[in-house]
Structure formats: structure tokens, C-alpha cells
Amino acid sequence: MTRSGSNDFTADLELAMRAARAAGDAVLPFFHDTPEVRFKAPDQPVTEADLSADRALHATLLGERPGYGWLSEETADSPDRLGRRRLWVVDPIDGTNSFVKGIPDWVVCVGLVEDGLPIVGVVYNACRGEMYHASRGGGAFLNGRPIHVTTTAADGDAPALVASRSEVLRRDFARFGAAGWRMEGLGSTAYRMARIAEGAADATLSAGSKSEWDVCAAELIVREAGGRVTDFSGAPYRYNREETRRRGVIATNGLLHDAVLSIVRAEG
């Protein structure tokens, strides 16, 4: 847990965890009701819970760090952030589709970026009471317990791949099944990535366009747990860019990353 200069990010990590827990716990009552849903775009639902969580995160994180920048799925973007060395990158509810269907796979994501790279990452599943967190150079944890990716290799047992339920149902990654991979459907991109970090599966990927807030917090957790994260071209993510979207995300235990990229490229 590090902060540049002194190599100590502890205070920012503790703030991010506190904010994520408060936001997640605050929207739990919405989850048990039938939320009113509107759509920002096809397949992009938003509820009052998303907006409430966004307001809570903004008030807490910028209230205590007013000099940091801000990038959130539920806040209008501002070019002001591009001039900030440190930037909060948040997704108030990652997995809103799961949230509105009553599936407990949604998470609150809080990432902190410095000079384009994540230094703090928090992914909180309020339904399951799971708090994943990491800081650069400090390791990855679930509820305070160190976590690590699997050691499954390409020439080992059948690897386990998690993808979104819709991608699994559409058989978007049928080549993986043909190659002997086991497939599982799970909500939220960030939650799937966190599950890779704790060793619950070997790899996850999503072919759709991903924004910085979808990936930032969970990427650091995967990397600090020993894994690897790239976009579909194999390039690492960088943050606080003018264009926040990239094509796809792949998160693996590292040992399988090249194999996953090979299959993805064969699929086109």
C-alpha cells in the first residue's frame, strides 16, 4: 500500500474502501425493491440506485480529496480531469443489468489513478459482503485475506473461463469450449475480474467496448494478485485519456494470457 514519494497509499486506499462500502450499503434497499429503470443507450440501464451511489461516492471521495480529478459512469465528463495528476475512476454500480434482475453480482468500483496508472483499486459486492482491494506494490486482498490467481497453465487441466451471461448464451466464445475450456456466466465485468484475482477461475474476457470505469479498479486487483490484464489487441490499459473507451478486456492468471489472445485473434 503505497503513496508516491513516501510509497504509502494507505490513506487513499482506506478512503476508497470506506466510500465503496458506504455507497454499496446505501443502495442495498433499492436492490430489494423493483427499481425504476431507464436507458442511457441500448443495453445501458440506469436506476436511481446508480445515481444515489454516484452522489455518495462523489461527496465522500472529492470531499476529502478536492484536488483529485473525477471520472464516473454516472457523471458528465469534464476535460478538467485531464490536467489532474490523480483521478478517481468510479463505477457506482457495475452490473446494473444484474442489479435490476435481482442477481447479486453487481459491485461498486473505486479506482485511483496517478499519471495514467492505477494505484488503488476497490471492488465491493455489498450483497455478498465481499470487499476486494489492492494498492500498487501492496498485494491484493479479499476481506483482509491475501488472494492470488490460479496456477493453471495452457498445457494443464481444462481452464475455467467466466464471461457475461449474455455472451455465454450467445456462444460468443464457442472456440474456447471447442478447445476444452469450461465456461461459466457471471454478471459485472469488474466482479468477474475480481474472481480471477481470488483464484475462483482462470480467465475472463468481454468483447464489447469498455470504459475506464469498467476496468480500472479491478485491473489493479488482478495485477497485484499475480495476473495480467489487456484489451483485445493485447495492449495494457492506461487511464485518464481523452477517449475513455477501449475494445474489450481480457484478465487472466497470466500463464494463460497468450493462449486467450491467440483464440481471440482466431475468432476475429
Protein backbone atom coordinates (compact mmCIF):
# COMPACT_ATOMS: atom_id res chain seq x y z
CA MET A 1 0.00 0.00 0.00
CA THR A 2 1.95 2.89 -1.34
CA ARG A 3 1.86 6.62 -2.00
CA SER A 4 4.34 8.15 -4.45
CA GLY A 5 7.33 9.75 -2.83
CA SER A 6 6.73 8.06 0.52
CA ASN A 7 5.41 4.88 -1.13
CA ASP A 8 2.34 4.95 1.09
CA PHE A 9 -1.14 4.87 -0.44
CA THR A 10 -2.75 3.71 2.81
CA ALA A 11 -4.88 6.80 3.44
CA ASP A 12 -6.28 6.87 -0.10
CA LEU A 13 -6.98 3.13 0.00
CA GLU A 14 -8.80 3.40 3.30
CA LEU A 15 -10.86 6.31 1.95
CA ALA A 16 -11.75 4.35 -1.20
CA MET A 17 -12.82 1.31 0.83
CA ARG A 18 -14.90 3.43 3.18
CA ALA A 19 -16.61 5.21 0.29
CA ALA A 20 -17.31 1.98 -1.62
CA ARG A 21 -18.77 0.29 1.45
CA ALA A 22 -20.99 3.26 2.26
CA ALA A 23 -22.25 3.52 -1.33
CA GLY A 24 -22.90 -0.21 -1.63
CA ASP A 25 -24.70 -0.47 1.67
CA ALA A 26 -26.76 2.64 0.87
CA VAL A 27 -28.18 1.16 -2.34
CA LEU A 28 -28.97 -2.29 -0.92
CA PRO A 29 -32.57 -1.22 -0.11
CA PHE A 30 -33.08 -0.36 -3.81
CA PHE A 31 -31.92 -3.86 -4.71
CA HIS A 32 -34.66 -5.46 -2.64
CA ASP A 33 -37.32 -3.29 -4.32
CA THR A 34 -38.23 -3.18 -8.00
CA PRO A 35 -36.15 -0.27 -9.25
CA GLU A 36 -37.39 2.13 -11.91
CA VAL A 37 -35.19 1.65 -14.95
CA ARG A 38 -34.43 3.97 -17.84
CA PHE A 39 -31.87 3.53 -20.59
CA LYS A 40 -28.97 5.84 -21.44
CA ALA A 41 -28.44 3.71 -24.56
CA PRO A 42 -29.49 0.20 -25.66
CA ASP A 43 -28.26 -2.31 -23.06
CA GLN A 44 -27.19 0.53 -20.72
CA PRO A 45 -29.79 0.75 -17.95
CA VAL A 46 -29.60 3.28 -15.15
CA THR A 47 -31.61 3.44 -11.94
CA GLU A 48 -31.95 5.85 -9.04
CA ALA A 49 -29.63 3.50 -7.16
CA ASP A 50 -26.82 4.19 -9.66
CA LEU A 51 -27.32 7.93 -9.28
CA SER A 52 -27.54 7.76 -5.48
CA ALA A 53 -24.33 5.74 -5.29
CA ASP A 54 -22.62 8.21 -7.62
CA ARG A 55 -23.61 11.16 -5.43
CA ALA A 56 -22.42 9.38 -2.30
CA LEU A 57 -19.05 8.48 -3.83
CA HIS A 58 -18.54 11.98 -5.21
CA ALA A 59 -19.32 13.61 -1.87
CA THR A 60 -17.00 11.35 0.10
CA LEU A 61 -14.06 11.00 -2.29
CA LEU A 62 -13.84 14.58 -3.53
CA GLY A 63 -14.97 15.90 -0.18
CA GLU A 64 -11.73 14.57 1.32
CA ARG A 65 -9.55 14.88 -1.81
CA PRO A 66 -10.79 18.05 -3.56
CA GLY A 67 -7.62 18.32 -5.62
CA TYR A 68 -8.14 14.98 -7.36
CA GLY A 69 -9.92 14.60 -10.69
CA TRP A 70 -13.19 12.73 -11.24
CA LEU A 71 -14.40 10.23 -13.86
CA SER A 72 -17.63 8.30 -13.29
CA GLU A 73 -20.08 6.43 -15.47
CA GLU A 74 -22.92 8.46 -13.99
CA THR A 75 -21.38 11.96 -14.07
CA ALA A 76 -20.99 14.15 -17.16
CA ASP A 77 -17.32 14.06 -18.16
CA SER A 78 -15.22 17.21 -17.92
CA PRO A 79 -11.88 17.92 -19.64
CA ASP A 80 -10.72 19.36 -16.31
CA ARG A 81 -9.74 15.84 -15.24
CA LEU A 82 -7.08 15.62 -17.96
CA GLY A 83 -4.96 18.16 -16.12
CA ARG A 84 -5.11 16.33 -12.78
CA ARG A 85 -2.25 14.06 -11.79
CA ARG A 86 -4.54 11.96 -9.61
CA LEU A 87 -8.01 10.89 -10.69
CA TRP A 88 -10.83 8.95 -9.06
CA VAL A 89 -12.29 6.49 -11.59
CA VAL A 90 -15.57 5.06 -10.32
CA ASP A 91 -18.46 2.90 -11.41
CA PRO A 92 -21.23 3.39 -8.84
CA ILE A 93 -22.89 0.10 -9.83
CA ASP A 94 -21.03 -2.16 -12.24
CA GLY A 95 -23.56 -4.77 -13.31
CA THR A 96 -26.76 -2.73 -13.35
CA ASN A 97 -28.42 -5.42 -15.51
CA SER A 98 -27.84 -7.90 -12.69
CA PHE A 99 -28.99 -5.32 -10.13
CA VAL A 100 -32.38 -4.77 -11.78
CA LYS A 101 -32.91 -8.53 -12.21
CA GLY A 102 -32.23 -9.22 -8.53
CA ILE A 103 -28.98 -11.10 -9.20
CA PRO A 104 -26.32 -10.36 -6.54
CA ASP A 105 -23.40 -9.99 -8.96
CA TRP A 106 -23.20 -6.17 -9.03
CA VAL A 107 -20.36 -4.26 -7.41
CA VAL A 108 -19.23 -0.73 -6.53
CA CYS A 109 -15.87 0.13 -8.10
CA VAL A 110 -13.44 2.79 -6.94
CA GLY A 111 -10.08 3.22 -8.62
CA LEU A 112 -7.45 5.88 -8.08
CA VAL A 113 -5.10 6.72 -10.95
CA GLU A 114 -1.79 8.56 -10.80
CA ASP A 115 -0.10 9.65 -14.05
CA GLY A 116 -2.32 7.27 -16.05
CA LEU A 117 -1.78 4.16 -13.94
CA PRO A 118 -3.93 2.74 -11.11
CA ILE A 119 -2.50 2.97 -7.60
CA VAL A 120 -5.61 1.98 -5.60
CA GLY A 121 -8.43 -0.37 -6.54
CA VAL A 122 -11.57 -1.36 -4.61
CA VAL A 123 -14.39 -3.65 -5.80
CA TYR A 124 -17.20 -4.13 -3.28
CA ASN A 125 -20.06 -6.63 -3.56
CA ALA A 126 -22.47 -5.39 -0.90
CA CYS A 127 -24.86 -8.35 -1.32
CA ARG A 128 -22.17 -10.91 -0.56
CA GLY A 129 -20.14 -8.77 1.85
CA GLU A 130 -17.04 -9.12 -0.36
CA MET A 131 -14.50 -6.31 -0.27
CA TYR A 132 -11.67 -6.76 -2.79
CA HIS A 133 -8.89 -4.22 -2.59
CA ALA A 134 -5.34 -3.56 -3.72
CA SER A 135 -2.75 -0.83 -3.84
CA ARG A 136 0.25 -0.67 -6.13
CA GLY A 137 3.01 -2.84 -4.73
CA GLY A 138 0.90 -3.85 -1.72
CA GLY A 139 -0.76 -7.07 -2.89
CA ALA A 140 -4.42 -7.94 -3.36
CA PHE A 141 -6.94 -8.87 -0.67
CA LEU A 142 -10.47 -10.13 -0.14
CA ASN A 143 -11.92 -9.09 3.23
CA GLY A 144 -8.39 -8.60 4.50
CA ARG A 145 -7.14 -12.00 3.33
CA PRO A 146 -4.36 -12.10 0.69
CA ILE A 147 -5.52 -13.52 -2.63
CA HIS A 148 -3.69 -14.85 -5.68
CA VAL A 149 -4.56 -16.01 -9.16
CA THR A 150 -4.57 -19.69 -10.13
CA THR A 151 -1.54 -21.55 -11.44
CA THR A 152 -3.41 -23.26 -14.29
CA ALA A 153 -1.21 -23.45 -17.38
CA ALA A 154 -2.14 -23.84 -21.04
CA ASP A 155 -0.98 -27.47 -21.04
CA GLY A 156 -2.70 -28.29 -17.73
CA ASP A 157 -6.25 -29.17 -16.71
CA ALA A 158 -9.24 -27.67 -18.54
CA PRO A 159 -9.10 -23.94 -17.69
CA ALA A 160 -12.17 -22.12 -16.37
CA LEU A 161 -13.42 -19.07 -18.26
CA VAL A 162 -16.08 -16.67 -16.96
CA ALA A 163 -17.91 -14.29 -19.28
CA SER A 164 -21.16 -12.35 -19.16
CA ARG A 165 -24.30 -14.46 -19.17
CA SER A 166 -25.41 -12.92 -22.45
CA GLU A 167 -22.09 -13.72 -24.13
CA VAL A 168 -22.23 -17.30 -22.89
CA LEU A 169 -25.83 -17.73 -24.08
CA ARG A 170 -24.94 -16.31 -27.49
CA ARG A 171 -21.96 -18.69 -27.64
CA ASP A 172 -19.71 -15.73 -28.43
CA PHE A 173 -16.68 -17.66 -27.25
CA ALA A 174 -17.51 -21.08 -28.68
CA ARG A 175 -13.88 -21.60 -29.70
CA PHE A 176 -12.93 -21.78 -26.03
CA GLY A 177 -15.39 -24.61 -25.47
CA ALA A 178 -14.03 -26.38 -28.52
CA ALA A 179 -10.53 -26.00 -27.07
CA GLY A 180 -11.60 -27.73 -23.84
CA TRP A 181 -12.26 -24.70 -21.64
CA ARG A 182 -15.02 -24.80 -19.03
CA MET A 183 -17.45 -21.89 -19.37
CA GLU A 184 -19.47 -20.01 -16.75
CA GLY A 185 -21.75 -16.98 -16.99
CA LEU A 186 -21.45 -14.20 -14.41
CA GLY A 187 -22.56 -10.55 -14.25
CA SER A 188 -20.43 -7.40 -13.79
CA THR A 189 -17.11 -7.14 -15.64
CA ALA A 190 -15.31 -5.91 -12.53
CA TYR A 191 -16.74 -8.71 -10.38
CA ARG A 192 -15.56 -11.32 -12.88
CA MET A 193 -12.10 -9.77 -12.82
CA ALA A 194 -12.08 -9.82 -9.02
CA ARG A 195 -13.00 -13.50 -9.13
CA ILE A 196 -9.95 -14.11 -11.32
CA ALA A 197 -7.81 -12.31 -8.74
CA GLU A 198 -9.01 -14.59 -5.94
CA GLY A 199 -8.38 -17.74 -7.99
CA ALA A 200 -12.05 -18.69 -8.47
CA ALA A 201 -11.50 -19.00 -12.25
CA ASP A 202 -8.58 -18.75 -14.64
CA ALA A 203 -9.65 -16.09 -17.12
CA THR A 204 -12.40 -13.69 -18.11
CA LEU A 205 -12.99 -11.62 -21.20
CA SER A 206 -15.59 -9.37 -22.74
CA ALA A 207 -15.63 -8.38 -26.38
CA GLY A 208 -17.67 -5.21 -26.02
CA SER A 209 -16.36 -1.69 -25.76
CA LYS A 210 -15.15 -0.99 -22.22
CA SER A 211 -14.73 2.32 -20.47
CA GLU A 212 -12.05 3.16 -17.92
CA TRP A 213 -14.54 2.85 -15.04
CA ASP A 214 -15.38 -0.74 -16.06
CA VAL A 215 -11.78 -1.88 -15.68
CA CYS A 216 -9.61 0.45 -13.59
CA ALA A 217 -10.23 -0.73 -10.02
CA ALA A 218 -10.38 -4.42 -10.85
CA GLU A 219 -7.30 -4.31 -13.10
CA LEU A 220 -5.05 -3.34 -10.22
CA ILE A 221 -6.53 -6.09 -8.04
CA VAL A 222 -5.84 -8.70 -10.76
CA ARG A 223 -2.29 -7.49 -11.32
CA GLU A 224 -1.48 -7.33 -7.61
CA ALA A 225 -2.80 -10.90 -7.33
CA GLY A 226 -0.29 -12.01 -9.98
CA GLY A 227 -2.47 -11.82 -13.09
CA ARG A 228 -2.46 -9.86 -16.33
CA VAL A 229 -4.99 -7.51 -17.96
CA THR A 230 -5.06 -6.17 -21.54
CA ASP A 231 -7.51 -5.07 -24.18
CA PHE A 232 -8.30 -7.38 -27.12
CA SER A 233 -5.22 -6.24 -29.03
CA GLY A 234 -3.00 -7.32 -26.14
CA ALA A 235 -2.19 -3.74 -25.13
CA PRO A 236 -2.24 -2.73 -21.45
CA TYR A 237 -4.77 -0.20 -20.23
CA ARG A 238 -3.83 3.39 -19.43
CA TYR A 239 -6.20 5.82 -17.77
CA ASN A 240 -7.23 9.47 -17.72
CA ARG A 241 -7.25 9.57 -21.51
CA GLU A 242 -9.46 11.86 -23.56
CA GLU A 243 -11.12 8.81 -25.15
CA THR A 244 -12.14 6.59 -22.26
CA ARG A 245 -13.30 3.55 -24.26
CA ARG A 246 -11.25 0.59 -25.50
CA ARG A 247 -12.13 -2.59 -27.40
CA GLY A 248 -12.68 -5.43 -24.97
CA VAL A 249 -10.90 -6.61 -21.86
CA ILE A 250 -9.04 -9.82 -21.04
CA ALA A 251 -7.99 -10.70 -17.50
CA THR A 252 -6.16 -13.94 -16.76
CA ASN A 253 -3.85 -15.63 -14.32
CA GLY A 254 -1.01 -14.54 -16.60
CA LEU A 255 0.02 -18.06 -17.58
CA LEU A 256 -2.98 -18.35 -19.93
CA HIS A 257 -2.97 -14.84 -21.34
CA ASP A 258 -1.17 -15.58 -24.60
CA ALA A 259 -3.41 -18.60 -25.18
CA VAL A 260 -6.52 -16.45 -24.68
CA LEU A 261 -5.20 -13.77 -27.04
CA SER A 262 -4.49 -16.46 -29.64
CA ILE A 263 -8.06 -17.76 -29.52
CA VAL A 264 -9.50 -14.23 -29.57
CA ARG A 265 -7.45 -13.34 -32.65
CA ALA A 266 -8.55 -16.55 -34.39
CA GLU A 267 -12.17 -15.57 -33.74
CA GLY A 268 -11.53 -12.18 -35.35
